[in-house]
Amino acid sequence: MTPAPAPDAARAIAERLSTVRGAIAEACLVAGRPLSSVRLVAVTKGHPASAIAAAAAAGQRAFGENYAKELRDKRRELGALGDTLEWHFIGRVQGSNAREIAGAALVHGVGSREQAAALAARAKHPLDVLLQVSLWGEQSKNGFSEAELRAELDALRRFEELRVRGLMAMPPPSLGGAEASRAAFRAVRLLRDRLCPDLPELSMGMSDDFREAIAEGATLVRVGSAIFGERMRKAG
């Protein structure tokens, strides 16, 4: 049975979702882009399945999870509804979770050839993936530098079980400010245009900076707190 959210909580989620959609539409208008060129992925990390049900009732279909176990458990808890939704995995790919996330509609965070191989070994059908890039010198960050992507791209695109669809990025908050965020997103778009202009997807932009990401060509924006508020429980 699909978990039912409290009426007040469901109303608040629907209202915030409507506000985010309006902001996306406005950003597309300012950028001279059609609204259909940007898709919203509602990120539900740390929120209960009832919050997903509320957003789904308000028309949202694409949901992103950072943890494989959380994705699996929520999908099961939602029952028949869970099977109608589009699940994206946006966390770090590991050998231990590859089997679980190989059933996602899109994996946003493939950050090494080893991660790609782990997914390819467990994919039951051609799996759409994005390659995560890290262009800002963060040694601990998952993702390819420009030099690494240039060296590995051909090999990554040769995995028959994977379909590389584009790039994903998470610029660090330390960059600071809207202009810095926009410049970071521009760097990702220009990297895609140089190395793999045929790949259509750019997953970039979250609650605080999705407008700047849309201005620089994002096709997928990952928005959590602006829709669901602060996390209701610790993610496991």
C-alpha atoms as a PDB file:
ATOM      1  CA  MET A   1       0.000   0.000   0.000  1.00  0.00           C
ATOM      2  CA  THR A   2       1.387   3.405  -0.986  1.00  0.00           C
ATOM      3  CA  PRO A   3       2.260   5.441   2.143  1.00  0.00           C
ATOM      4  CA  ALA A   4       0.016   8.481   2.499  1.00  0.00           C
ATOM      5  CA  PRO A   5       1.613  11.772   3.598  1.00  0.00           C
ATOM      6  CA  ALA A   6      -0.072  14.022   6.126  1.00  0.00           C
ATOM      7  CA  PRO A   7      -2.341  16.493   4.277  1.00  0.00           C
ATOM      8  CA  ASP A   8      -0.365  19.556   5.407  1.00  0.00           C
ATOM      9  CA  ALA A   9       2.936  17.983   4.396  1.00  0.00           C
ATOM     10  CA  ALA A  10       1.546  16.935   1.013  1.00  0.00           C
ATOM     11  CA  ARG A  11       0.196  20.430   0.390  1.00  0.00           C
ATOM     12  CA  ALA A  12       3.536  22.024   1.268  1.00  0.00           C
ATOM     13  CA  ILE A  13       5.423  19.703  -1.071  1.00  0.00           C
ATOM     14  CA  ALA A  14       2.993  20.380  -3.913  1.00  0.00           C
ATOM     15  CA  GLU A  15       3.315  24.142  -3.404  1.00  0.00           C
ATOM     16  CA  ARG A  16       7.120  24.065  -3.308  1.00  0.00           C
ATOM     17  CA  LEU A  17       7.210  21.808  -6.353  1.00  0.00           C
ATOM     18  CA  SER A  18       5.012  24.295  -8.220  1.00  0.00           C
ATOM     19  CA  THR A  19       7.359  27.131  -7.190  1.00  0.00           C
ATOM     20  CA  VAL A  20      10.412  25.235  -8.469  1.00  0.00           C
ATOM     21  CA  ARG A  21       8.691  24.448 -11.752  1.00  0.00           C
ATOM     22  CA  GLY A  22       7.829  28.115 -12.140  1.00  0.00           C
ATOM     23  CA  ALA A  23      11.440  29.103 -11.504  1.00  0.00           C
ATOM     24  CA  ILE A  24      12.629  26.565 -14.085  1.00  0.00           C
ATOM     25  CA  ALA A  25      10.180  27.961 -16.626  1.00  0.00           C
ATOM     26  CA  GLU A  26      11.373  31.497 -15.923  1.00  0.00           C
ATOM     27  CA  ALA A  27      15.037  30.494 -16.224  1.00  0.00           C
ATOM     28  CA  CYS A  28      14.310  28.805 -19.550  1.00  0.00           C
ATOM     29  CA  LEU A  29      12.528  31.918 -20.793  1.00  0.00           C
ATOM     30  CA  VAL A  30      15.446  34.154 -19.814  1.00  0.00           C
ATOM     31  CA  ALA A  31      17.904  31.760 -21.472  1.00  0.00           C
ATOM     32  CA  GLY A  32      15.819  31.560 -24.649  1.00  0.00           C
ATOM     33  CA  ARG A  33      15.364  27.822 -24.236  1.00  0.00           C
ATOM     34  CA  PRO A  34      12.184  25.743 -24.558  1.00  0.00           C
ATOM     35  CA  LEU A  35      10.854  24.445 -21.256  1.00  0.00           C
ATOM     36  CA  SER A  36      10.966  20.931 -22.686  1.00  0.00           C
ATOM     37  CA  SER A  37      14.780  21.142 -22.831  1.00  0.00           C
ATOM     38  CA  VAL A  38      15.125  20.924 -19.009  1.00  0.00           C
ATOM     39  CA  ARG A  39      13.969  18.043 -16.828  1.00  0.00           C
ATOM     40  CA  LEU A  40      13.514  18.212 -13.067  1.00  0.00           C
ATOM     41  CA  VAL A  41      14.846  15.355 -10.939  1.00  0.00           C
ATOM     42  CA  ALA A  42      13.379  15.591  -7.429  1.00  0.00           C
ATOM     43  CA  VAL A  43      16.075  14.462  -4.976  1.00  0.00           C
ATOM     44  CA  THR A  44      14.605  12.585  -2.010  1.00  0.00           C
ATOM     45  CA  LYS A  45      17.704  11.685  -0.009  1.00  0.00           C
ATOM     46  CA  GLY A  46      16.745  11.405   3.660  1.00  0.00           C
ATOM     47  CA  HIS A  47      13.018  11.916   3.049  1.00  0.00           C
ATOM     48  CA  PRO A  48      10.338   9.251   3.516  1.00  0.00           C
ATOM     49  CA  ALA A  49       8.498   7.421   0.775  1.00  0.00           C
ATOM     50  CA  SER A  50       5.372   9.404   1.676  1.00  0.00           C
ATOM     51  CA  ALA A  51       7.128  12.573   0.450  1.00  0.00           C
ATOM     52  CA  ILE A  52       7.723  10.898  -2.913  1.00  0.00           C
ATOM     53  CA  ALA A  53       4.055   9.906  -3.040  1.00  0.00           C
ATOM     54  CA  ALA A  54       3.070  13.533  -2.409  1.00  0.00           C
ATOM     55  CA  ALA A  55       5.317  14.829  -5.200  1.00  0.00           C
ATOM     56  CA  ALA A  56       4.085  12.093  -7.540  1.00  0.00           C
ATOM     57  CA  ALA A  57       0.489  13.109  -6.796  1.00  0.00           C
ATOM     58  CA  ALA A  58       1.477  16.644  -7.876  1.00  0.00           C
ATOM     59  CA  GLY A  59       2.763  15.325 -11.201  1.00  0.00           C
ATOM     60  CA  GLN A  60       6.478  14.685 -10.568  1.00  0.00           C
ATOM     61  CA  ARG A  61       7.814  11.492 -12.141  1.00  0.00           C
ATOM     62  CA  ALA A  62      11.639  11.583 -11.985  1.00  0.00           C
ATOM     63  CA  PHE A  63      13.219  11.043  -8.556  1.00  0.00           C
ATOM     64  CA  GLY A  64      16.880  10.889  -7.546  1.00  0.00           C
ATOM     65  CA  GLU A  65      18.462   8.922  -4.699  1.00  0.00           C
ATOM     66  CA  ASN A  66      22.016   9.065  -3.356  1.00  0.00           C
ATOM     67  CA  TYR A  67      22.058   5.661  -1.652  1.00  0.00           C
ATOM     68  CA  ALA A  68      21.323   2.329  -3.303  1.00  0.00           C
ATOM     69  CA  LYS A  69      19.641   0.831  -0.229  1.00  0.00           C
ATOM     70  CA  GLU A  70      17.410   3.870   0.156  1.00  0.00           C
ATOM     71  CA  LEU A  71      16.407   3.690  -3.506  1.00  0.00           C
ATOM     72  CA  ARG A  72      15.545   0.003  -3.185  1.00  0.00           C
ATOM     73  CA  ASP A  73      13.627   0.359   0.083  1.00  0.00           C
ATOM     74  CA  LYS A  74      11.566   3.361  -1.041  1.00  0.00           C
ATOM     75  CA  ARG A  75      10.704   1.776  -4.353  1.00  0.00           C
ATOM     76  CA  ARG A  76       9.439  -1.300  -2.521  1.00  0.00           C
ATOM     77  CA  GLU A  77       7.540   0.741   0.053  1.00  0.00           C
ATOM     78  CA  LEU A  78       5.754   2.640  -2.702  1.00  0.00           C
ATOM     79  CA  GLY A  79       4.509  -0.605  -4.223  1.00  0.00           C
ATOM     80  CA  ALA A  80       2.785  -0.261  -7.574  1.00  0.00           C
ATOM     81  CA  LEU A  81       3.414   3.493  -7.601  1.00  0.00           C
ATOM     82  CA  GLY A  82       7.161   2.921  -7.324  1.00  0.00           C
ATOM     83  CA  ASP A  83       7.125   0.939 -10.553  1.00  0.00           C
ATOM     84  CA  THR A  84       5.550   3.852 -12.442  1.00  0.00           C
ATOM     85  CA  LEU A  85       8.226   6.363 -11.438  1.00  0.00           C
ATOM     86  CA  GLU A  86      11.582   7.117 -13.084  1.00  0.00           C
ATOM     87  CA  TRP A  87      14.438   6.461 -10.658  1.00  0.00           C
ATOM     88  CA  HIS A  88      17.800   8.183 -11.000  1.00  0.00           C
ATOM     89  CA  PHE A  89      20.885   7.278  -8.976  1.00  0.00           C
ATOM     90  CA  ILE A  90      23.014  10.319  -8.184  1.00  0.00           C
ATOM     91  CA  GLY A  91      25.443   8.969  -5.593  1.00  0.00           C
ATOM     92  CA  ARG A  92      28.856   7.352  -5.851  1.00  0.00           C
ATOM     93  CA  VAL A  93      29.002   4.090  -7.771  1.00  0.00           C
ATOM     94  CA  GLN A  94      30.760   1.264  -5.925  1.00  0.00           C
ATOM     95  CA  GLY A  95      31.197  -2.421  -6.547  1.00  0.00           C
ATOM     96  CA  SER A  96      28.984  -3.154  -3.538  1.00  0.00           C
ATOM     97  CA  ASN A  97      26.021  -1.158  -4.839  1.00  0.00           C
ATOM     98  CA  ALA A  98      26.389  -1.608  -8.591  1.00  0.00           C
ATOM     99  CA  ARG A  99      23.914  -4.478  -8.793  1.00  0.00           C
ATOM    100  CA  GLU A 100      21.235  -2.465  -7.008  1.00  0.00           C
ATOM    101  CA  ILE A 101      21.611   0.687  -9.078  1.00  0.00           C
ATOM    102  CA  ALA A 102      22.006  -1.083 -12.425  1.00  0.00           C
ATOM    103  CA  GLY A 103      18.211  -1.025 -12.643  1.00  0.00           C
ATOM    104  CA  ALA A 104      17.987   2.778 -12.497  1.00  0.00           C
ATOM    105  CA  ALA A 105      16.726   4.781 -15.463  1.00  0.00           C
ATOM    106  CA  LEU A 106      19.856   6.947 -15.355  1.00  0.00           C
ATOM    107  CA  VAL A 107      23.026   6.816 -13.254  1.00  0.00           C
ATOM    108  CA  HIS A 108      24.419  10.325 -12.811  1.00  0.00           C
ATOM    109  CA  GLY A 109      27.705   9.708 -11.069  1.00  0.00           C
ATOM    110  CA  VAL A 110      30.072   7.402 -12.990  1.00  0.00           C
ATOM    111  CA  GLY A 111      33.422   8.823 -11.961  1.00  0.00           C
ATOM    112  CA  SER A 112      36.005   6.260 -13.110  1.00  0.00           C
ATOM    113  CA  ARG A 113      36.540   3.441 -15.574  1.00  0.00           C
ATOM    114  CA  GLU A 114      36.380   1.002 -12.638  1.00  0.00           C
ATOM    115  CA  GLN A 115      32.921   2.260 -11.709  1.00  0.00           C
ATOM    116  CA  ALA A 116      31.788   1.912 -15.300  1.00  0.00           C
ATOM    117  CA  ALA A 117      33.095  -1.667 -15.412  1.00  0.00           C
ATOM    118  CA  ALA A 118      31.260  -2.541 -12.178  1.00  0.00           C
ATOM    119  CA  LEU A 119      27.982  -1.275 -13.632  1.00  0.00           C
ATOM    120  CA  ALA A 120      28.538  -2.928 -17.002  1.00  0.00           C
ATOM    121  CA  ALA A 121      29.122  -6.287 -15.318  1.00  0.00           C
ATOM    122  CA  ARG A 122      25.757  -6.095 -13.553  1.00  0.00           C
ATOM    123  CA  ALA A 123      23.536  -4.328 -16.078  1.00  0.00           C
ATOM    124  CA  LYS A 124      20.613  -6.447 -17.242  1.00  0.00           C
ATOM    125  CA  HIS A 125      19.910  -4.110 -20.165  1.00  0.00           C
ATOM    126  CA  PRO A 126      21.743  -1.194 -21.792  1.00  0.00           C
ATOM    127  CA  LEU A 127      22.077   1.286 -18.923  1.00  0.00           C
ATOM    128  CA  ASP A 128      22.081   5.051 -19.470  1.00  0.00           C
ATOM    129  CA  VAL A 129      24.875   6.784 -17.550  1.00  0.00           C
ATOM    130  CA  LEU A 130      26.401  10.209 -17.140  1.00  0.00           C
ATOM    131  CA  LEU A 131      30.105  10.753 -16.540  1.00  0.00           C
ATOM    132  CA  GLN A 132      30.824  12.854 -13.476  1.00  0.00           C
ATOM    133  CA  VAL A 133      33.470  15.508 -13.927  1.00  0.00           C
ATOM    134  CA  SER A 134      35.411  17.312 -11.223  1.00  0.00           C
ATOM    135  CA  LEU A 135      37.198  20.315 -12.691  1.00  0.00           C
ATOM    136  CA  TRP A 136      37.981  22.291  -9.533  1.00  0.00           C
ATOM    137  CA  GLY A 137      40.960  20.486  -7.990  1.00  0.00           C
ATOM    138  CA  GLU A 138      39.059  18.578  -5.299  1.00  0.00           C
ATOM    139  CA  GLN A 139      41.161  15.519  -4.649  1.00  0.00           C
ATOM    140  CA  SER A 140      38.450  13.715  -2.657  1.00  0.00           C
ATOM    141  CA  LYS A 141      35.676  14.397  -5.174  1.00  0.00           C
ATOM    142  CA  ASN A 142      34.288  11.638  -7.324  1.00  0.00           C
ATOM    143  CA  GLY A 143      34.779  12.343 -11.004  1.00  0.00           C
ATOM    144  CA  PHE A 144      37.100  12.814 -13.953  1.00  0.00           C
ATOM    145  CA  SER A 145      39.416  15.750 -14.419  1.00  0.00           C
ATOM    146  CA  GLU A 146      39.509  17.126 -17.946  1.00  0.00           C
ATOM    147  CA  ALA A 147      42.733  15.231 -18.672  1.00  0.00           C
ATOM    148  CA  GLU A 148      41.292  11.977 -17.285  1.00  0.00           C
ATOM    149  CA  LEU A 149      38.093  12.336 -19.282  1.00  0.00           C
ATOM    150  CA  ARG A 150      40.057  13.020 -22.438  1.00  0.00           C
ATOM    151  CA  ALA A 151      42.137   9.876 -21.839  1.00  0.00           C
ATOM    152  CA  GLU A 152      39.253   7.574 -20.836  1.00  0.00           C
ATOM    153  CA  LEU A 153      36.304   8.719 -22.932  1.00  0.00           C
ATOM    154  CA  ASP A 154      36.732   6.331 -25.844  1.00  0.00           C
ATOM    155  CA  ALA A 155      37.120   3.335 -23.535  1.00  0.00           C
ATOM    156  CA  LEU A 156      34.050   4.365 -21.530  1.00  0.00           C
ATOM    157  CA  ARG A 157      31.960   4.625 -24.669  1.00  0.00           C
ATOM    158  CA  ARG A 158      33.002   1.124 -25.744  1.00  0.00           C
ATOM    159  CA  PHE A 159      31.173  -0.610 -22.869  1.00  0.00           C
ATOM    160  CA  GLU A 160      28.372  -2.369 -24.735  1.00  0.00           C
ATOM    161  CA  GLU A 161      26.200  -2.582 -21.610  1.00  0.00           C
ATOM    162  CA  LEU A 162      26.354   1.182 -20.987  1.00  0.00           C
ATOM    163  CA  ARG A 163      25.069   4.140 -22.975  1.00  0.00           C
ATOM    164  CA  VAL A 164      26.999   7.282 -22.130  1.00  0.00           C
ATOM    165  CA  ARG A 165      24.467  10.113 -22.410  1.00  0.00           C
ATOM    166  CA  GLY A 166      26.393  13.129 -21.143  1.00  0.00           C
ATOM    167  CA  LEU A 167      28.155  14.743 -18.206  1.00  0.00           C
ATOM    168  CA  MET A 168      27.246  15.455 -14.598  1.00  0.00           C
ATOM    169  CA  ALA A 169      28.895  17.964 -12.257  1.00  0.00           C
ATOM    170  CA  MET A 170      28.653  19.279  -8.708  1.00  0.00           C
ATOM    171  CA  PRO A 171      30.766  22.439  -8.371  1.00  0.00           C
ATOM    172  CA  PRO A 172      31.884  22.966  -4.757  1.00  0.00           C
ATOM    173  CA  PRO A 173      29.982  25.550  -2.671  1.00  0.00           C
ATOM    174  CA  SER A 174      33.325  27.169  -1.894  1.00  0.00           C
ATOM    175  CA  LEU A 175      33.307  28.742  -5.366  1.00  0.00           C
ATOM    176  CA  GLY A 176      30.803  31.213  -3.952  1.00  0.00           C
ATOM    177  CA  GLY A 177      28.105  33.296  -5.621  1.00  0.00           C
ATOM    178  CA  ALA A 178      25.878  33.087  -8.669  1.00  0.00           C
ATOM    179  CA  GLU A 179      28.488  34.302 -11.151  1.00  0.00           C
ATOM    180  CA  ALA A 180      31.056  31.778  -9.949  1.00  0.00           C
ATOM    181  CA  SER A 181      28.480  28.991 -10.174  1.00  0.00           C
ATOM    182  CA  ARG A 182      27.542  30.046 -13.673  1.00  0.00           C
ATOM    183  CA  ALA A 183      31.177  30.087 -14.731  1.00  0.00           C
ATOM    184  CA  ALA A 184      31.616  26.581 -13.306  1.00  0.00           C
ATOM    185  CA  PHE A 185      28.628  25.284 -15.246  1.00  0.00           C
ATOM    186  CA  ARG A 186      29.889  27.014 -18.366  1.00  0.00           C
ATOM    187  CA  ALA A 187      33.190  25.155 -17.981  1.00  0.00           C
ATOM    188  CA  VAL A 188      31.343  21.833 -17.939  1.00  0.00           C
ATOM    189  CA  ARG A 189      29.309  22.716 -21.029  1.00  0.00           C
ATOM    190  CA  LEU A 190      32.397  23.834 -22.925  1.00  0.00           C
ATOM    191  CA  LEU A 191      34.189  20.633 -21.927  1.00  0.00           C
ATOM    192  CA  ARG A 192      31.291  18.610 -23.333  1.00  0.00           C
ATOM    193  CA  ASP A 193      31.313  20.711 -26.500  1.00  0.00           C
ATOM    194  CA  ARG A 194      35.034  20.093 -26.986  1.00  0.00           C
ATOM    195  CA  LEU A 195      35.234  16.381 -26.208  1.00  0.00           C
ATOM    196  CA  CYS A 196      31.814  14.861 -26.868  1.00  0.00           C
ATOM    197  CA  PRO A 197      29.429  17.339 -28.546  1.00  0.00           C
ATOM    198  CA  ASP A 198      27.117  14.502 -29.604  1.00  0.00           C
ATOM    199  CA  LEU A 199      26.170  13.708 -25.984  1.00  0.00           C
ATOM    200  CA  PRO A 200      22.868  15.455 -25.186  1.00  0.00           C
ATOM    201  CA  GLU A 201      22.668  15.515 -21.386  1.00  0.00           C
ATOM    202  CA  LEU A 202      24.179  17.908 -18.840  1.00  0.00           C
ATOM    203  CA  SER A 203      23.144  17.159 -15.254  1.00  0.00           C
ATOM    204  CA  MET A 204      24.076  20.206 -13.203  1.00  0.00           C
ATOM    205  CA  GLY A 205      22.392  22.570 -10.809  1.00  0.00           C
ATOM    206  CA  MET A 206      20.721  21.975  -7.456  1.00  0.00           C
ATOM    207  CA  SER A 207      18.341  23.908  -5.194  1.00  0.00           C
ATOM    208  CA  ASP A 208      20.598  26.951  -4.826  1.00  0.00           C
ATOM    209  CA  ASP A 209      21.959  27.248  -8.342  1.00  0.00           C
ATOM    210  CA  PHE A 210      19.702  25.511 -10.867  1.00  0.00           C
ATOM    211  CA  ARG A 211      18.866  28.872 -12.507  1.00  0.00           C
ATOM    212  CA  GLU A 212      22.549  29.479 -13.307  1.00  0.00           C
ATOM    213  CA  ALA A 213      22.869  25.896 -14.547  1.00  0.00           C
ATOM    214  CA  ILE A 214      19.919  26.322 -16.907  1.00  0.00           C
ATOM    215  CA  ALA A 215      21.479  29.522 -18.245  1.00  0.00           C
ATOM    216  CA  GLU A 216      24.552  27.470 -19.164  1.00  0.00           C
ATOM    217  CA  GLY A 217      22.792  24.544 -20.798  1.00  0.00           C
ATOM    218  CA  ALA A 218      21.725  22.108 -18.077  1.00  0.00           C
ATOM    219  CA  THR A 219      19.238  19.530 -19.346  1.00  0.00           C
ATOM    220  CA  LEU A 220      18.713  17.904 -15.926  1.00  0.00           C
ATOM    221  CA  VAL A 221      18.518  19.801 -12.638  1.00  0.00           C
ATOM    222  CA  ARG A 222      18.629  17.929  -9.321  1.00  0.00           C
ATOM    223  CA  VAL A 223      16.487  19.712  -6.739  1.00  0.00           C
ATOM    224  CA  GLY A 224      15.858  18.418  -3.224  1.00  0.00           C
ATOM    225  CA  SER A 225      15.523  20.849  -0.330  1.00  0.00           C
ATOM    226  CA  ALA A 226      13.646  23.465  -2.383  1.00  0.00           C
ATOM    227  CA  ILE A 227      10.899  20.853  -2.829  1.00  0.00           C
ATOM    228  CA  PHE A 228      11.041  18.700   0.291  1.00  0.00           C
ATOM    229  CA  GLY A 229      12.587  21.026   2.853  1.00  0.00           C
ATOM    230  CA  GLU A 230      15.407  19.926   5.140  1.00  0.00           C
ATOM    231  CA  ARG A 231      16.003  16.222   5.424  1.00  0.00           C
ATOM    232  CA  MET A 232      13.528  14.549   7.768  1.00  0.00           C
ATOM    233  CA  ARG A 233      15.791  11.687   8.769  1.00  0.00           C
ATOM    234  CA  LYS A 234      19.360  10.565   8.382  1.00  0.00           C
ATOM    235  CA  ALA A 235      20.007   8.642   5.212  1.00  0.00           C
ATOM    236  CA  GLY A 236      21.255   5.131   5.759  1.00  0.00           C
END
